[in-house]
Amino acid sequence: MGRARGGDRARARRCRDGADPRDTGPGWRIGQSVRHAKFGLGIIIDAEGRGGDARVQVNFRDVGVKWLALEYAKLEAA
């Protein structure tokens, strides 16, 4: 099964820019456990974009993998 579109390229761009590829922005990082009001508990597995365009891919325990815009997702650290 392949990676989500652009995930590897986005990560490579962040590495070339000198940013930590696990850093998804203020307070979020790949591998971090999070909670979403509708989807429940999950782990951030990928991220792309910055600022208002930032989004994370989360593997939720009960509903599977979802891409979420950080601006709207209202994630909480779990």
N, C-alpha and C. Protein backbone atom coordinates (compact mmCIF):
# COMPACT_ATOMS: atom_id res chain seq x y z
N MET A 1 0.85 -1.18 0.00
CA MET A 1 0.00 0.00 0.00
C MET A 1 0.89 1.24 0.00
N GLY A 2 0.65 2.19 -0.88
CA GLY A 2 1.49 3.39 -1.01
C GLY A 2 1.15 4.45 0.02
N ARG A 3 2.00 5.42 0.09
CA ARG A 3 1.79 6.54 1.01
C ARG A 3 0.76 7.49 0.42
N ALA A 4 0.19 8.28 1.27
CA ALA A 4 -0.78 9.28 0.82
C ALA A 4 -0.08 10.25 -0.13
N ARG A 5 -0.83 10.81 -1.05
CA ARG A 5 -0.25 11.68 -2.08
C ARG A 5 0.60 12.79 -1.50
N GLY A 6 1.80 12.91 -2.00
CA GLY A 6 2.67 14.01 -1.65
C GLY A 6 3.34 13.91 -0.29
N GLY A 7 3.03 12.92 0.50
CA GLY A 7 3.57 12.84 1.85
C GLY A 7 5.09 12.80 1.89
N ASP A 8 5.69 11.94 1.07
CA ASP A 8 7.14 11.83 1.06
C ASP A 8 7.79 13.09 0.48
N ARG A 9 7.19 13.63 -0.57
CA ARG A 9 7.74 14.85 -1.17
C ARG A 9 7.66 16.02 -0.19
N ALA A 10 6.54 16.15 0.51
CA ALA A 10 6.39 17.25 1.47
C ALA A 10 7.40 17.10 2.60
N ARG A 11 7.60 15.87 3.05
CA ARG A 11 8.56 15.64 4.13
C ARG A 11 9.97 15.98 3.65
N ALA A 12 10.29 15.60 2.41
CA ALA A 12 11.61 15.91 1.86
C ALA A 12 11.81 17.41 1.75
N ARG A 13 10.77 18.15 1.32
CA ARG A 13 10.87 19.60 1.24
C ARG A 13 11.15 20.20 2.60
N ARG A 14 10.46 19.70 3.62
CA ARG A 14 10.68 20.23 4.97
C ARG A 14 12.11 19.95 5.42
N CYS A 15 12.63 18.78 5.09
CA CYS A 15 14.00 18.44 5.47
C CYS A 15 14.99 19.36 4.77
N ARG A 16 14.78 19.61 3.48
CA ARG A 16 15.67 20.51 2.75
C ARG A 16 15.61 21.92 3.30
N ASP A 17 14.44 22.33 3.79
CA ASP A 17 14.30 23.66 4.36
C ASP A 17 14.93 23.77 5.75
N GLY A 18 15.41 22.65 6.27
CA GLY A 18 16.04 22.66 7.58
C GLY A 18 15.08 22.42 8.73
N ALA A 19 13.80 22.22 8.43
CA ALA A 19 12.82 21.98 9.49
C ALA A 19 12.81 20.50 9.85
N ASP A 20 12.46 20.21 11.07
CA ASP A 20 12.35 18.85 11.54
C ASP A 20 11.12 18.22 10.89
N PRO A 21 11.24 17.11 10.16
CA PRO A 21 10.10 16.52 9.46
C PRO A 21 9.03 16.00 10.41
N ARG A 22 9.34 15.83 11.67
CA ARG A 22 8.34 15.36 12.63
C ARG A 22 7.57 16.51 13.26
N ASP A 23 7.98 17.74 13.02
CA ASP A 23 7.34 18.91 13.59
C ASP A 23 6.22 19.39 12.68
N THR A 24 4.98 19.35 13.14
CA THR A 24 3.83 19.73 12.33
C THR A 24 3.34 21.12 12.67
N GLY A 25 4.05 21.83 13.48
CA GLY A 25 3.63 23.17 13.86
C GLY A 25 3.55 23.29 15.36
N PRO A 26 3.05 24.41 15.83
CA PRO A 26 3.00 24.66 17.28
C PRO A 26 2.26 23.56 18.03
N GLY A 27 3.00 22.81 18.82
CA GLY A 27 2.39 21.82 19.70
C GLY A 27 2.09 20.47 19.08
N TRP A 28 2.33 20.23 17.81
CA TRP A 28 2.01 18.96 17.17
C TRP A 28 3.24 18.36 16.52
N ARG A 29 3.36 17.02 16.61
CA ARG A 29 4.48 16.33 15.98
C ARG A 29 4.04 14.94 15.56
N ILE A 30 4.69 14.41 14.56
CA ILE A 30 4.40 13.06 14.10
C ILE A 30 4.72 12.09 15.23
N GLY A 31 3.81 11.16 15.46
CA GLY A 31 3.95 10.19 16.55
C GLY A 31 3.19 10.59 17.81
N GLN A 32 2.67 11.81 17.83
CA GLN A 32 1.96 12.30 19.00
C GLN A 32 0.53 11.74 19.04
N SER A 33 0.08 11.39 20.23
CA SER A 33 -1.30 10.96 20.44
C SER A 33 -2.21 12.17 20.55
N VAL A 34 -3.36 12.09 19.88
CA VAL A 34 -4.31 13.20 19.89
C VAL A 34 -5.72 12.68 20.09
N ARG A 35 -6.61 13.59 20.44
CA ARG A 35 -8.03 13.26 20.59
C ARG A 35 -8.84 14.24 19.74
N HIS A 36 -9.82 13.70 19.02
CA HIS A 36 -10.74 14.51 18.21
C HIS A 36 -12.15 14.25 18.74
N ALA A 37 -12.98 15.29 18.79
CA ALA A 37 -14.32 15.17 19.36
C ALA A 37 -15.16 14.09 18.69
N LYS A 38 -15.06 13.95 17.37
CA LYS A 38 -15.89 12.98 16.64
C LYS A 38 -15.18 11.63 16.45
N PHE A 39 -13.89 11.67 16.12
CA PHE A 39 -13.17 10.45 15.73
C PHE A 39 -12.47 9.75 16.89
N GLY A 40 -12.33 10.39 18.03
CA GLY A 40 -11.73 9.76 19.19
C GLY A 40 -10.21 9.87 19.22
N LEU A 41 -9.57 8.83 19.77
CA LEU A 41 -8.12 8.81 19.94
C LEU A 41 -7.40 8.38 18.67
N GLY A 42 -6.24 9.01 18.42
CA GLY A 42 -5.45 8.64 17.27
C GLY A 42 -4.02 9.10 17.43
N ILE A 43 -3.19 8.78 16.43
CA ILE A 43 -1.78 9.15 16.41
C ILE A 43 -1.49 9.85 15.10
N ILE A 44 -0.80 11.00 15.18
CA ILE A 44 -0.41 11.73 13.98
C ILE A 44 0.64 10.91 13.24
N ILE A 45 0.37 10.61 11.95
CA ILE A 45 1.30 9.79 11.18
C ILE A 45 1.95 10.54 10.03
N ASP A 46 1.42 11.70 9.66
CA ASP A 46 2.01 12.49 8.58
C ASP A 46 1.49 13.91 8.70
N ALA A 47 2.15 14.83 8.03
CA ALA A 47 1.74 16.23 8.06
C ALA A 47 2.23 16.92 6.80
N GLU A 48 1.53 17.98 6.41
CA GLU A 48 1.98 18.80 5.30
C GLU A 48 1.40 20.19 5.43
N GLY A 49 2.06 21.13 4.78
CA GLY A 49 1.61 22.51 4.81
C GLY A 49 2.08 23.25 6.05
N ARG A 50 1.82 24.55 6.03
CA ARG A 50 2.20 25.41 7.15
C ARG A 50 1.12 26.45 7.37
N GLY A 51 1.09 27.02 8.56
CA GLY A 51 0.14 28.07 8.86
C GLY A 51 -1.29 27.60 8.66
N GLY A 52 -2.10 28.44 8.00
CA GLY A 52 -3.50 28.12 7.79
C GLY A 52 -3.74 26.95 6.86
N ASP A 53 -2.70 26.54 6.10
CA ASP A 53 -2.83 25.41 5.18
C ASP A 53 -2.34 24.09 5.79
N ALA A 54 -1.89 24.11 7.03
CA ALA A 54 -1.34 22.91 7.65
C ALA A 54 -2.43 21.87 7.87
N ARG A 55 -2.07 20.64 7.59
CA ARG A 55 -2.98 19.53 7.88
C ARG A 55 -2.17 18.34 8.34
N VAL A 56 -2.82 17.46 9.10
CA VAL A 56 -2.17 16.27 9.61
C VAL A 56 -2.98 15.05 9.21
N GLN A 57 -2.26 13.95 9.06
CA GLN A 57 -2.91 12.67 8.82
C GLN A 57 -2.87 11.92 10.14
N VAL A 58 -4.02 11.52 10.60
CA VAL A 58 -4.13 10.85 11.90
C VAL A 58 -4.72 9.47 11.71
N ASN A 59 -4.09 8.47 12.35
CA ASN A 59 -4.62 7.11 12.36
C ASN A 59 -5.44 6.97 13.64
N PHE A 60 -6.77 7.03 13.48
CA PHE A 60 -7.67 6.92 14.63
C PHE A 60 -7.95 5.46 14.93
N ARG A 61 -7.97 5.16 16.19
CA ARG A 61 -8.14 3.79 16.66
C ARG A 61 -9.44 3.16 16.13
N ASP A 62 -10.54 3.91 16.15
CA ASP A 62 -11.83 3.34 15.81
C ASP A 62 -12.30 3.58 14.38
N VAL A 63 -11.77 4.62 13.70
CA VAL A 63 -12.30 4.96 12.37
C VAL A 63 -11.24 4.96 11.27
N GLY A 64 -10.00 4.64 11.59
CA GLY A 64 -8.96 4.58 10.57
C GLY A 64 -8.27 5.91 10.33
N VAL A 65 -7.70 6.03 9.14
CA VAL A 65 -6.84 7.18 8.80
C VAL A 65 -7.66 8.31 8.20
N LYS A 66 -7.42 9.53 8.69
CA LYS A 66 -8.10 10.73 8.20
C LYS A 66 -7.09 11.86 8.06
N TRP A 67 -7.26 12.70 7.00
CA TRP A 67 -6.52 13.95 6.88
C TRP A 67 -7.37 15.04 7.52
N LEU A 68 -6.78 15.87 8.38
CA LEU A 68 -7.51 16.93 9.06
C LEU A 68 -6.78 18.26 8.93
N ALA A 69 -7.52 19.30 8.60
CA ALA A 69 -6.95 20.66 8.57
C ALA A 69 -6.81 21.12 10.03
N LEU A 70 -5.60 21.47 10.43
CA LEU A 70 -5.37 21.88 11.82
C LEU A 70 -6.19 23.10 12.21
N GLU A 71 -6.44 23.96 11.25
CA GLU A 71 -7.20 25.18 11.53
C GLU A 71 -8.61 24.87 12.03
N TYR A 72 -9.19 23.74 11.60
CA TYR A 72 -10.57 23.42 11.94
C TYR A 72 -10.73 22.20 12.83
N ALA A 73 -9.73 21.34 12.92
CA ALA A 73 -9.87 20.04 13.58
C ALA A 73 -10.06 20.11 15.08
N LYS A 74 -9.54 21.14 15.72
CA LYS A 74 -9.64 21.27 17.19
C LYS A 74 -9.15 20.02 17.90
N LEU A 75 -7.95 19.57 17.51
CA LEU A 75 -7.35 18.42 18.16
C LEU A 75 -6.87 18.79 19.55
N GLU A 76 -6.88 17.80 20.42
CA GLU A 76 -6.33 17.95 21.78
C GLU A 76 -5.23 16.91 21.95
N ALA A 77 -4.19 17.27 22.67
CA ALA A 77 -3.16 16.28 23.00
C ALA A 77 -3.77 15.23 23.91
N ALA A 78 -3.43 13.96 23.66
CA ALA A 78 -3.99 12.88 24.48
C ALA A 78 -2.92 12.22 25.30
